[in-house]
């Protein structure tokens, strides 16, 4: 087998960034992209964590001896420079600058490569990165550092029945393989969505095909989905479509720019966390099926809570044009690119604006906390009351598999609005009455004869109730007499009119307030008329108490 050499200065090779790609998933992504560009039907990935090795094999078109020397070993070679933008199968090329292979050539101590076309035999070589480091330090020319001859016998089982394709064996991966296989499977399913373009392309990891089932846990945690323009996405269609029972709401959003995709929200932010890792699922940008920008929302600074519930994939193939908009690491889009900025503006001003409003409305409808900063739909007080109800009702809702779950959900939904009103009204009552008690003590206002008489009755009634219940301990935090009085008693002490038919006073409002307050305190569900009366009366009480304590 002929000796092959890099078709570039070794010092330039080093300056281009042999350590440009710093994580294992990036290396896999580059290998998968190369297989895609080679019109492969399959790419097989074999990870051996025990021996710290990796094998990547595809059944693409492969390379001849000339191809291997003049194209693969020529860092910076790209078919796009020849005006070719698609493969023979009409797949858009993923690779662009031709420097992505640096990820493959520098991620392990020794890298063994063999390749063949249908009409040629296997050719290849071994890149020994320690020897390459020495060659660079010694300022050798490419011709003075030939690749080692590869031993085909170590590939015997792998190359059997392979008519064309490429096999790469990575020996002794730098920094080891730290990721769990389950984690790698999930990331491949998330980040390499080539099936969106060509469903004949399959990825296999340790002999098991990567499928959408890797994302079942994520899909089952999804509540709401927003589809952006038209998208034929198997995940969208099979896992989180409007016909899936666990999807509560599904909406289509139109955009004037040529993008497609979806954004979805989960029940809890923790559902976006990939277990036993520091990774989370985010809203990502894809170009021609390849992940180009992870976590788009980092470009749109905001502290709104709904964003922590979102994930999704947006495809914008127009970013891949004659102009190169991608960073040198190939792991992001140049942030100040005008086309990218226009896209971000559309995402912020149109798409996310709709999602923010929908998310809050839909969460409220299913008795879950929404956007606390949205005061146009609910006041701050109303929202806090609803959040308290949601917290309490959660303690009673049975598991999803319970036969009564649907019925309890309906009961909770029916109680929600009334609970929101009653909890808020009770808090108003608690604050108002206790402020009056504080005011009376502060002003040293004595009990009237009527109040003293009522107090004796209240205390006897309480003692009788304690005796009947066999309670001997103290119920009240202290024995302050004022704690026995309700709003009407308290207001008679501080603001009783001389002429109750002509003078405005707290005591007059308290008479209207008392029967509705008592019904509410006994957890009754009030009529709309009673609610309206209570609201109006309380506003009057609140205004007079504020005036008293100024």
Protein backbone atom coordinates (compact mmCIF):
# COMPACT_ATOMS: atom_id res chain seq x y z
CA UNK A 1 0.00 0.00 0.00
CA UNK A 2 1.42 3.38 -1.02
CA UNK A 3 2.62 5.86 1.57
CA UNK A 4 0.37 8.90 1.86
CA UNK A 5 1.27 12.37 3.09
CA UNK A 6 -0.65 15.43 4.19
CA UNK A 7 -1.31 17.75 1.29
CA UNK A 8 -0.58 20.82 3.40
CA UNK A 9 2.31 22.25 5.40
CA UNK A 10 2.48 20.54 8.79
CA UNK A 11 2.91 23.88 10.56
CA UNK A 12 -0.16 25.25 8.78
CA UNK A 13 -2.00 22.06 9.75
CA UNK A 14 -1.13 22.74 13.37
CA UNK A 15 -2.09 26.44 13.19
CA UNK A 16 -5.46 25.57 11.66
CA UNK A 17 -6.30 24.03 15.01
CA UNK A 18 -5.79 20.33 15.47
CA UNK A 19 -7.47 20.70 18.84
CA UNK A 20 -10.30 22.84 17.52
CA UNK A 21 -12.94 20.30 18.47
CA UNK A 22 -12.87 19.60 22.17
CA UNK A 23 -15.63 17.09 22.88
CA UNK A 24 -16.49 13.57 21.88
CA UNK A 25 -19.93 14.44 20.49
CA UNK A 26 -18.34 16.94 18.09
CA UNK A 27 -16.09 14.19 16.73
CA UNK A 28 -19.08 11.92 16.20
CA UNK A 29 -20.91 14.77 14.49
CA UNK A 30 -18.07 15.34 12.05
CA UNK A 31 -17.88 11.63 11.23
CA UNK A 32 -21.64 11.39 10.72
CA UNK A 33 -21.53 14.50 8.49
CA UNK A 34 -18.77 12.96 6.37
CA UNK A 35 -20.82 9.78 5.94
CA UNK A 36 -23.81 11.86 4.91
CA UNK A 37 -21.73 13.76 2.36
CA UNK A 38 -20.46 10.41 1.03
CA UNK A 39 -24.03 9.32 0.22
CA UNK A 40 -23.90 6.55 2.80
CA UNK A 41 -27.06 4.67 3.65
CA UNK A 42 -25.65 3.65 7.00
CA UNK A 43 -23.06 4.79 9.48
CA UNK A 44 -22.07 2.33 12.19
CA UNK A 45 -20.49 3.62 15.40
CA UNK A 46 -18.80 1.18 17.77
CA UNK A 47 -17.73 2.57 21.14
CA UNK A 48 -15.50 0.49 23.41
CA UNK A 49 -15.20 2.41 26.67
CA UNK A 50 -13.14 -0.35 28.31
CA UNK A 51 -10.40 -0.14 25.67
CA UNK A 52 -10.96 3.59 25.06
CA UNK A 53 -11.48 3.13 21.34
CA UNK A 54 -13.97 4.09 18.67
CA UNK A 55 -14.77 2.68 15.22
CA UNK A 56 -16.84 4.55 12.65
CA UNK A 57 -17.82 2.77 9.45
CA UNK A 58 -20.03 3.84 6.56
CA UNK A 59 -21.20 2.39 3.24
CA UNK A 60 -20.75 5.60 1.27
CA UNK A 61 -19.01 6.03 -2.06
CA UNK A 62 -15.57 5.67 -0.47
CA UNK A 63 -12.30 6.97 -1.91
CA UNK A 64 -9.71 5.84 -4.42
CA UNK A 65 -6.00 6.17 -3.71
CA UNK A 66 -5.99 9.50 -5.56
CA UNK A 67 -9.06 10.74 -3.65
CA UNK A 68 -7.49 9.83 -0.32
CA UNK A 69 -4.29 11.72 -1.15
CA UNK A 70 -5.65 14.77 -2.93
CA UNK A 71 -8.94 15.25 -1.12
CA UNK A 72 -9.05 13.63 2.31
CA UNK A 73 -5.47 14.52 3.24
CA UNK A 74 -5.81 17.99 1.78
CA UNK A 75 -7.05 20.02 4.73
CA UNK A 76 -9.33 22.70 3.38
CA UNK A 77 -10.53 20.70 0.37
CA UNK A 78 -14.23 21.22 -0.31
CA UNK A 79 -16.34 20.24 -3.30
CA UNK A 80 -18.18 23.52 -2.89
CA UNK A 81 -15.10 25.26 -4.26
CA UNK A 82 -15.73 23.36 -7.47
CA UNK A 83 -19.30 24.72 -7.58
CA UNK A 84 -20.85 21.47 -6.36
CA UNK A 85 -23.43 21.92 -3.58
CA UNK A 86 -25.19 18.53 -3.53
CA UNK A 87 -24.19 14.89 -3.64
CA UNK A 88 -25.12 12.48 -6.44
CA UNK A 89 -28.18 11.58 -4.35
CA UNK A 90 -29.06 15.26 -4.22
CA UNK A 91 -28.18 15.62 -0.56
CA UNK A 92 -26.97 19.12 0.35
CA UNK A 93 -23.34 18.96 1.47
CA UNK A 94 -22.88 19.38 5.20
CA UNK A 95 -19.15 20.05 5.02
CA UNK A 96 -18.07 23.49 3.95
CA UNK A 97 -14.47 24.55 4.53
CA UNK A 98 -12.94 21.10 4.55
CA UNK A 99 -11.29 21.59 7.92
CA UNK A 100 -13.82 19.58 9.87
CA UNK A 101 -11.70 16.47 9.48
CA UNK A 102 -9.30 18.06 11.96
CA UNK A 103 -11.72 16.83 14.60
CA UNK A 104 -11.20 13.29 13.36
CA UNK A 105 -7.45 13.52 12.89
CA UNK A 106 -6.60 14.86 16.33
CA UNK A 107 -8.99 13.22 18.78
CA UNK A 108 -6.98 10.05 19.47
CA UNK A 109 -3.37 8.93 19.82
CA UNK A 110 -3.49 6.82 16.66
CA UNK A 111 -6.08 6.90 13.89
CA UNK A 112 -6.36 4.06 11.36
CA UNK A 113 -8.24 4.81 8.14
CA UNK A 114 -9.19 2.50 5.24
CA UNK A 115 -11.49 3.32 2.34
CA UNK A 116 -12.55 1.93 -1.04
CA UNK A 117 -14.87 2.59 -3.93
CA UNK A 118 -16.84 -0.06 -5.84
CA UNK A 119 -14.10 -0.18 -8.47
CA UNK A 120 -11.00 0.08 -6.28
CA UNK A 121 -9.28 -1.78 -3.47
CA UNK A 122 -8.86 -0.63 0.11
CA UNK A 123 -6.31 2.14 0.67
CA UNK A 124 -5.49 4.15 3.76
CA UNK A 125 -2.96 4.90 6.42
CA UNK A 126 -2.32 5.53 10.12
CA UNK A 127 -1.97 8.98 11.67
CA UNK A 128 0.16 8.81 14.80
CA UNK A 129 -0.42 12.11 16.56
CA UNK A 130 2.63 11.79 18.81
CA UNK A 131 4.81 11.32 15.75
CA UNK A 132 2.98 14.17 14.02
CA UNK A 133 3.70 16.44 17.00
CA UNK A 134 7.40 15.58 16.70
CA UNK A 135 7.34 16.23 12.97
CA UNK A 136 5.75 19.64 13.54
CA UNK A 137 8.30 20.49 16.24
CA UNK A 138 11.12 19.44 13.92
CA UNK A 139 9.63 21.55 11.13
CA UNK A 140 9.47 18.60 8.74
CA UNK A 141 7.81 18.83 5.35
CA UNK A 142 4.72 16.72 4.62
CA UNK A 143 6.89 14.46 2.45
CA UNK A 144 9.17 13.83 5.44
CA UNK A 145 6.17 12.63 7.49
CA UNK A 146 4.37 9.88 5.57
CA UNK A 147 1.41 8.16 7.16
CA UNK A 148 2.14 4.68 8.46
CA UNK A 149 0.92 1.78 6.37
CA UNK A 150 -2.35 0.43 7.68
CA UNK A 151 -2.74 -3.24 8.57
CA UNK A 152 -5.85 -4.45 6.79
CA UNK A 153 -6.13 -7.64 8.83
CA UNK A 154 -7.33 -5.73 11.90
CA UNK A 155 -10.34 -4.66 9.79
CA UNK A 156 -11.17 -8.17 8.50
CA UNK A 157 -14.58 -8.45 10.14
CA UNK A 158 -15.48 -4.81 9.51
CA UNK A 159 -14.65 -4.76 5.81
CA UNK A 160 -16.40 -8.01 5.02
CA UNK A 161 -19.14 -7.49 2.40
CA UNK A 162 -18.43 -3.74 2.26
CA UNK A 163 -18.59 -2.86 -1.45
CA UNK A 164 -17.64 0.76 -0.85
CA UNK A 165 -17.18 3.04 2.11
CA UNK A 166 -14.78 4.20 4.80
CA UNK A 167 -13.74 2.74 8.16
CA UNK A 168 -11.89 4.75 10.80
CA UNK A 169 -10.46 3.17 13.96
CA UNK A 170 -9.60 5.61 16.75
CA UNK A 171 -7.07 4.08 19.11
CA UNK A 172 -6.72 5.55 22.59
CA UNK A 173 -9.15 8.49 22.56
CA UNK A 174 -7.76 11.69 24.08
CA UNK A 175 -9.23 12.30 27.56
CA UNK A 176 -11.13 9.01 27.35
CA UNK A 177 -14.80 8.37 26.58
CA UNK A 178 -16.63 9.75 29.58
CA UNK A 179 -20.18 9.85 28.27
CA UNK A 180 -22.61 7.04 28.95
CA UNK A 181 -23.84 5.14 25.88
CA UNK A 182 -27.45 6.07 26.71
CA UNK A 183 -26.48 9.73 26.80
CA UNK A 184 -24.67 9.48 23.46
CA UNK A 185 -27.67 7.78 21.87
CA UNK A 186 -29.97 10.57 23.04
CA UNK A 187 -27.65 13.33 21.80
CA UNK A 188 -27.31 11.68 18.39
CA UNK A 189 -31.10 11.44 18.15
CA UNK A 190 -31.41 15.09 19.16
CA UNK A 191 -28.62 16.73 17.22
CA UNK A 192 -28.18 14.78 13.99
CA UNK A 193 -31.53 15.06 12.28
CA UNK A 194 -30.43 13.99 8.80
CA UNK A 195 -33.56 11.86 8.49
CA UNK A 196 -35.46 15.12 8.06
CA UNK A 197 -33.89 15.36 4.63
CA UNK A 198 -33.36 11.72 3.62
CA UNK A 199 -35.05 8.86 5.48
CA UNK A 200 -32.70 6.34 3.85
CA UNK A 201 -29.85 7.47 6.14
CA UNK A 202 -29.50 5.42 9.33
CA UNK A 203 -27.16 5.76 12.29
CA UNK A 204 -26.28 2.70 14.37
CA UNK A 205 -24.55 2.77 17.75
CA UNK A 206 -23.06 -0.47 19.06
CA UNK A 207 -25.26 -2.44 16.62
CA UNK A 208 -28.52 -0.75 17.69
CA UNK A 209 -30.14 1.71 15.28
CA UNK A 210 -30.71 5.20 16.65
CA UNK A 211 -34.45 5.91 16.52
CA UNK A 212 -36.86 8.52 17.77
CA UNK A 213 -37.60 6.23 20.70
CA UNK A 214 -34.43 7.63 22.30
CA UNK A 215 -36.55 10.75 22.87
CA UNK A 216 -39.62 9.10 24.41
CA UNK A 217 -38.96 10.54 27.86
CA UNK A 218 -38.71 14.04 26.41
CA UNK A 219 -41.76 13.68 24.20
CA UNK A 220 -43.94 12.35 27.04
CA UNK A 221 -42.96 15.37 29.17
CA UNK A 222 -44.08 17.76 26.43
CA UNK A 223 -47.26 19.77 27.03
CA UNK A 224 -47.57 22.38 24.27
CA UNK A 225 -46.24 22.52 20.71
CA UNK A 226 -45.90 25.41 18.27
CA UNK A 227 -45.19 24.37 14.67
CA UNK A 228 -43.41 27.03 12.60
CA UNK A 229 -44.45 27.04 8.94
CA UNK A 230 -44.51 23.63 7.26
CA UNK A 231 -42.24 20.86 8.48
CA UNK A 232 -42.22 17.15 7.72
CA UNK A 233 -40.51 16.04 10.90
CA UNK A 234 -40.93 12.44 12.15
CA UNK A 235 -40.52 13.55 15.78
CA UNK A 236 -43.18 16.21 15.34
CA UNK A 237 -45.46 13.81 13.49
CA UNK A 238 -45.04 10.66 15.57
CA UNK A 239 -44.16 11.85 19.07
CA UNK A 240 -45.66 15.29 19.75
CA UNK A 241 -48.43 15.77 17.20
CA UNK A 242 -51.86 17.17 18.00
CA UNK A 243 -53.22 13.60 18.05
CA UNK A 244 -50.93 12.49 20.89
CA UNK A 245 -52.98 12.34 24.11
CA UNK A 246 -50.35 13.99 26.31
CA UNK A 247 -50.14 17.09 24.10
CA UNK A 248 -52.49 19.66 25.64
CA UNK A 249 -52.27 22.31 22.90
CA UNK A 250 -50.88 22.39 19.35
CA UNK A 251 -50.67 25.57 17.29
CA UNK A 252 -49.23 26.55 13.93
CA UNK A 253 -47.28 29.81 13.68
CA UNK A 254 -46.58 31.49 10.35
CA UNK A 255 -43.33 33.27 9.58
CA UNK A 256 -42.57 35.42 6.56
CA UNK A 257 -38.97 34.24 6.41
CA UNK A 258 -38.18 30.78 4.94
CA UNK A 259 -37.76 28.86 8.17
CA UNK A 260 -39.47 25.74 9.47
CA UNK A 261 -39.45 23.85 12.72
CA UNK A 262 -41.12 23.64 16.08
CA UNK A 263 -40.83 24.90 19.62
CA UNK A 264 -42.31 22.85 22.44
CA UNK A 265 -42.65 23.26 26.20
CA UNK A 266 -42.40 20.64 28.93
CA UNK A 267 -44.30 20.37 32.19
CA UNK A 268 -41.26 21.20 34.34
CA UNK A 269 -37.84 22.71 33.45
CA UNK A 270 -36.18 19.67 35.03
CA UNK A 271 -37.60 17.54 32.21
CA UNK A 272 -35.14 19.25 29.83
CA UNK A 273 -32.17 18.01 31.84
CA UNK A 274 -30.37 15.00 30.38
CA UNK A 275 -29.95 12.75 33.41
CA UNK A 276 -26.51 12.34 34.97
CA UNK A 277 -25.04 15.06 32.74
CA UNK A 278 -24.76 18.82 32.74
CA UNK A 279 -26.56 18.98 29.37
CA UNK A 280 -30.04 20.35 28.80
CA UNK A 281 -32.25 20.20 25.72
CA UNK A 282 -32.61 23.67 24.19
CA UNK A 283 -34.06 25.53 21.20
CA UNK A 284 -31.50 24.86 18.47
CA UNK A 285 -30.81 26.02 14.91
CA UNK A 286 -30.27 23.53 12.08
CA UNK A 287 -28.99 24.18 8.58
CA UNK A 288 -29.47 21.40 6.02
CA UNK A 289 -30.20 18.99 8.85
CA UNK A 290 -27.03 19.71 10.84
CA UNK A 291 -26.94 21.44 14.19
CA UNK A 292 -25.34 24.84 13.67
CA UNK A 293 -26.25 26.83 16.79
CA UNK A 294 -27.19 25.29 20.11
CA UNK A 295 -29.40 27.27 22.49
CA UNK A 296 -30.69 30.08 20.30
CA UNK A 297 -32.33 31.81 23.25
CA UNK A 298 -28.94 32.85 24.61
CA UNK A 299 -28.91 35.43 21.78
CA UNK A 300 -32.20 36.90 23.03
CA UNK A 301 -31.59 38.06 26.61
CA UNK A 302 -34.70 37.71 28.74
CA UNK A 303 -35.63 36.68 32.25
CA UNK A 304 -39.15 35.48 31.45
CA UNK A 305 -39.82 32.19 33.14
CA UNK A 306 -41.46 30.49 30.15
CA UNK A 307 -38.13 30.25 28.32
CA UNK A 308 -36.84 27.73 30.86
CA UNK A 309 -39.60 25.33 29.73
CA UNK A 310 -38.82 25.47 25.99
CA UNK A 311 -36.97 23.24 23.56
CA UNK A 312 -37.17 22.88 19.82
CA UNK A 313 -35.53 22.81 16.43
CA UNK A 314 -35.65 25.52 13.80
CA UNK A 315 -34.35 24.90 10.28
CA UNK A 316 -33.02 27.79 8.21
CA UNK A 317 -31.26 26.42 5.15
CA UNK A 318 -30.80 29.85 3.57
CA UNK A 319 -27.95 30.44 6.01
CA UNK A 320 -25.94 27.99 3.90
CA UNK A 321 -25.07 30.01 0.82
CA UNK A 322 -21.98 31.30 -0.96
CA UNK A 323 -21.25 33.48 2.05
CA UNK A 324 -19.77 31.53 4.95
CA UNK A 325 -21.72 32.44 8.07
CA UNK A 326 -20.32 29.80 10.39
CA UNK A 327 -17.59 30.20 12.98
CA UNK A 328 -14.16 28.66 12.46
CA UNK A 329 -15.03 25.92 14.96
CA UNK A 330 -18.11 25.08 12.82
CA UNK A 331 -20.08 24.98 16.07
CA UNK A 332 -21.96 28.25 15.73
CA UNK A 333 -23.16 31.04 13.46
CA UNK A 334 -21.25 34.33 13.31
CA UNK A 335 -23.33 36.37 15.72
CA UNK A 336 -23.38 39.69 13.84
CA UNK A 337 -24.23 38.22 10.44
CA UNK A 338 -27.13 40.32 9.03
CA UNK A 339 -29.20 37.33 7.89
CA UNK A 340 -28.76 35.65 11.26
CA UNK A 341 -29.72 38.88 13.02
CA UNK A 342 -32.89 39.16 10.91
CA UNK A 343 -33.75 35.62 11.90
CA UNK A 344 -33.21 36.39 15.60
CA UNK A 345 -35.47 39.44 15.34
CA UNK A 346 -38.21 37.29 13.80
CA UNK A 347 -37.76 34.72 16.55
CA UNK A 348 -38.03 37.37 19.27
CA UNK A 349 -40.69 39.72 17.90
CA UNK A 350 -43.04 37.25 16.24
CA UNK A 351 -42.55 33.65 17.29
CA UNK A 352 -41.55 33.96 20.97
CA UNK A 353 -44.04 36.76 21.54
CA UNK A 354 -46.89 34.46 20.51
CA UNK A 355 -45.47 31.54 22.45
CA UNK A 356 -45.10 33.60 25.63
CA UNK A 357 -48.76 34.63 25.56
CA UNK A 358 -50.05 31.17 24.60
CA UNK A 359 -47.94 29.42 27.21
CA UNK A 360 -49.27 31.57 30.03
CA UNK A 361 -52.88 31.17 28.92
CA UNK A 362 -52.63 27.41 28.41
CA UNK A 363 -50.84 26.80 31.71
CA UNK A 364 -53.53 28.71 33.59
CA UNK A 365 -56.21 26.63 31.83
CA UNK A 366 -54.71 23.38 33.17
CA UNK A 367 -54.16 24.79 36.69
CA UNK A 368 -50.40 25.17 36.46
CA UNK A 369 -48.29 28.22 37.17
CA UNK A 370 -47.81 30.52 34.21
CA UNK A 371 -45.82 33.67 33.52
CA UNK A 372 -45.75 35.59 36.80
CA UNK A 373 -44.65 38.75 34.98
CA UNK A 374 -47.72 38.83 32.76
CA UNK A 375 -50.06 41.25 34.53
CA UNK A 376 -52.38 41.83 31.57
CA UNK A 377 -54.13 38.47 31.95
CA UNK A 378 -54.20 38.29 35.76
CA UNK A 379 -53.31 40.80 38.42
CA UNK A 380 -50.39 39.95 40.65
CA UNK A 381 -52.78 39.11 43.48
CA UNK A 382 -54.97 36.90 41.28
CA UNK A 383 -51.95 35.05 39.93
CA UNK A 384 -50.53 34.40 43.41
CA UNK A 385 -53.92 33.08 44.54
CA UNK A 386 -54.06 30.74 41.56
CA UNK A 387 -50.51 29.57 42.21
CA UNK A 388 -51.43 28.79 45.81
CA UNK A 389 -54.46 26.80 44.64
CA UNK A 390 -52.27 24.90 42.14
CA UNK A 391 -49.82 24.03 44.92
CA UNK A 392 -52.58 22.79 47.22
CA UNK A 393 -54.56 20.86 44.61
CA UNK A 394 -51.40 19.06 43.47
CA UNK A 395 -51.35 17.31 46.84
CA UNK A 396 -54.75 15.76 46.10
CA UNK A 397 -54.43 14.88 42.41
CA UNK A 398 -53.94 11.09 42.03
CA UNK A 399 -51.28 9.55 39.75
CA UNK A 400 -51.85 9.65 35.99
CA UNK A 401 -52.66 5.95 35.90
CA UNK A 402 -55.43 6.32 38.49
CA UNK A 403 -58.96 5.52 37.25
CA UNK A 404 -60.20 8.76 38.85
CA UNK A 405 -57.48 11.02 37.48
CA UNK A 406 -59.59 12.52 34.69
CA UNK A 407 -62.49 13.17 37.05
CA UNK A 408 -60.24 14.86 39.64
CA UNK A 409 -58.66 16.99 36.92
CA UNK A 410 -62.14 18.15 35.91
CA UNK A 411 -63.07 18.93 39.53
CA UNK A 412 -59.87 20.91 39.96
CA UNK A 413 -60.54 22.83 36.77
CA UNK A 414 -64.08 23.62 37.94
CA UNK A 415 -62.81 24.88 41.31
CA UNK A 416 -59.93 26.92 39.93
CA UNK A 417 -61.60 30.29 39.31
CA UNK A 418 -63.61 30.21 42.54
CA UNK A 419 -60.56 29.15 44.52
CA UNK A 420 -58.59 32.00 43.01
CA UNK A 421 -61.27 34.45 44.20
CA UNK A 422 -61.80 32.89 47.64
CA UNK A 423 -58.12 32.58 48.51
CA UNK A 424 -57.51 36.18 47.48
CA UNK A 425 -60.59 37.36 49.38
CA UNK A 426 -59.57 35.44 52.49
CA UNK A 427 -56.10 37.01 52.39
CA UNK A 428 -57.71 40.45 52.08
CA UNK A 429 -59.95 39.70 55.06
CA UNK A 430 -57.05 38.40 57.15
CA UNK A 431 -54.91 41.46 56.45
CA UNK A 432 -57.72 44.00 56.91
CA UNK A 433 -59.03 42.62 60.21
CA UNK A 434 -55.56 42.21 61.71
CA UNK A 435 -54.53 45.71 60.65
CA UNK A 436 -57.61 47.04 62.44
CA UNK A 437 -56.65 45.09 65.58
CA UNK A 438 -53.12 46.56 65.44
CA UNK A 439 -54.59 50.03 64.96
CA UNK A 440 -56.97 49.66 67.92
CA UNK A 441 -54.13 48.57 70.21
CA UNK A 442 -51.87 51.33 68.89
CA UNK A 443 -54.54 53.95 69.66
CA UNK A 444 -55.43 52.30 72.99
CA UNK A 445 -59.12 52.26 72.07
CA UNK A 446 -61.19 50.72 74.87
CA UNK A 447 -63.91 48.13 74.32
CA UNK A 448 -67.41 49.54 74.21
CA UNK A 449 -70.10 48.07 76.53
CA UNK A 450 -71.61 46.32 73.50
CA UNK A 451 -68.23 44.82 72.56
CA UNK A 452 -67.59 43.64 76.14
CA UNK A 453 -70.96 41.89 76.22
CA UNK A 454 -70.31 40.25 72.83
CA UNK A 455 -66.87 39.14 74.00
CA UNK A 456 -68.33 37.12 76.88
CA UNK A 457 -70.61 35.30 74.44
CA UNK A 458 -67.78 34.63 71.95
CA UNK A 459 -65.53 33.17 74.64
CA UNK A 460 -68.28 30.95 76.02
CA UNK A 461 -69.13 29.69 72.53
CA UNK A 462 -65.49 28.82 71.92
CA UNK A 463 -65.13 27.03 75.27
CA UNK A 464 -68.30 25.02 74.64
CA UNK A 465 -66.93 23.98 71.24
CA UNK A 466 -63.59 22.95 72.80
CA UNK A 467 -65.35 20.90 75.46
CA UNK A 468 -67.45 19.12 72.86
CA UNK A 469 -64.29 18.32 70.89
CA UNK A 470 -62.38 17.21 74.01
CA UNK A 471 -59.70 19.85 73.37
CA UNK A 472 -57.78 21.06 76.40
CA UNK A 473 -54.89 22.85 74.71
CA UNK A 474 -54.94 26.50 73.60
CA UNK A 475 -56.07 27.09 70.03
CA UNK A 476 -55.28 30.77 69.76
CA UNK A 477 -51.69 32.01 69.79
CA UNK A 478 -52.62 34.47 72.56
CA UNK A 479 -55.72 35.41 74.50
CA UNK A 480 -55.98 38.95 73.18
CA UNK A 481 -59.64 39.96 73.37
CA UNK A 482 -59.54 41.64 69.95
CA UNK A 483 -58.85 38.29 68.30
CA UNK A 484 -62.42 37.24 69.07
CA UNK A 485 -63.88 40.09 67.05
CA UNK A 486 -64.62 40.03 63.34
CA UNK A 487 -64.80 42.95 60.92
CA UNK A 488 -68.18 44.33 62.06
CA UNK A 489 -67.15 44.34 65.74
CA UNK A 490 -63.79 45.94 65.02
CA UNK A 491 -65.18 48.66 62.79
CA UNK A 492 -67.73 49.65 65.46
CA UNK A 493 -64.78 50.40 67.74
CA UNK A 494 -62.85 52.59 65.30
CA UNK A 495 -65.29 54.06 62.78
CA UNK A 496 -68.95 53.88 63.82
CA UNK A 497 -71.20 56.54 62.26
CA UNK A 498 -73.47 58.68 64.40
CA UNK A 499 -76.06 58.60 61.63
CA UNK A 500 -75.73 55.19 59.90
CA UNK A 501 -77.98 56.25 57.02
CA UNK A 502 -76.07 59.36 56.06
CA UNK A 503 -72.43 59.08 57.12
CA UNK A 504 -69.80 57.00 55.33
CA UNK A 505 -68.04 54.73 57.80
CA UNK A 506 -66.29 51.38 58.07
CA UNK A 507 -69.08 49.97 60.21
CA UNK A 508 -71.60 50.44 57.39
CA UNK A 509 -69.43 48.53 54.94
CA UNK A 510 -68.79 45.80 57.51
CA UNK A 511 -72.50 45.01 57.71
CA UNK A 512 -72.58 44.29 53.98
CA UNK A 513 -69.25 42.51 54.18
CA UNK A 514 -70.07 40.13 57.06
CA UNK A 515 -72.56 37.63 55.52
CA UNK A 516 -70.52 37.23 52.34
CA UNK A 517 -67.29 37.00 54.33
CA UNK A 518 -68.81 34.32 56.59
CA UNK A 519 -69.97 32.28 53.59
CA UNK A 520 -66.54 32.56 52.01
CA UNK A 521 -64.82 31.61 55.28
CA UNK A 522 -66.94 28.46 55.31
CA UNK A 523 -65.46 27.57 51.85
CA UNK A 524 -68.73 28.27 50.05
CA UNK A 525 -68.60 29.02 46.34
CA UNK A 526 -70.05 32.50 45.90
CA UNK A 527 -72.41 33.71 43.22
CA UNK A 528 -71.16 36.27 40.73
CA UNK A 529 -73.38 38.90 42.41
CA UNK A 530 -71.90 38.09 45.84
CA UNK A 531 -68.38 38.24 44.41
CA UNK A 532 -69.06 41.61 42.85
CA UNK A 533 -70.55 42.94 46.08
CA UNK A 534 -67.63 41.62 48.12
CA UNK A 535 -65.13 43.22 45.76
CA UNK A 536 -66.82 46.61 45.81
CA UNK A 537 -67.29 46.54 49.59
CA UNK A 538 -63.74 45.45 50.23
CA UNK A 539 -62.32 48.21 48.02
CA UNK A 540 -64.26 50.69 50.15
CA UNK A 541 -63.03 49.06 53.37
CA UNK A 542 -59.44 49.02 52.12
CA UNK A 543 -59.60 52.72 51.20
CA UNK A 544 -60.95 53.69 54.65
CA UNK A 545 -58.41 51.51 56.51
CA UNK A 546 -55.57 53.05 54.50
CA UNK A 547 -56.87 56.49 55.41
CA UNK A 548 -57.09 55.52 59.11
CA UNK A 549 -53.54 54.22 59.38
CA UNK A 550 -51.85 56.97 57.35
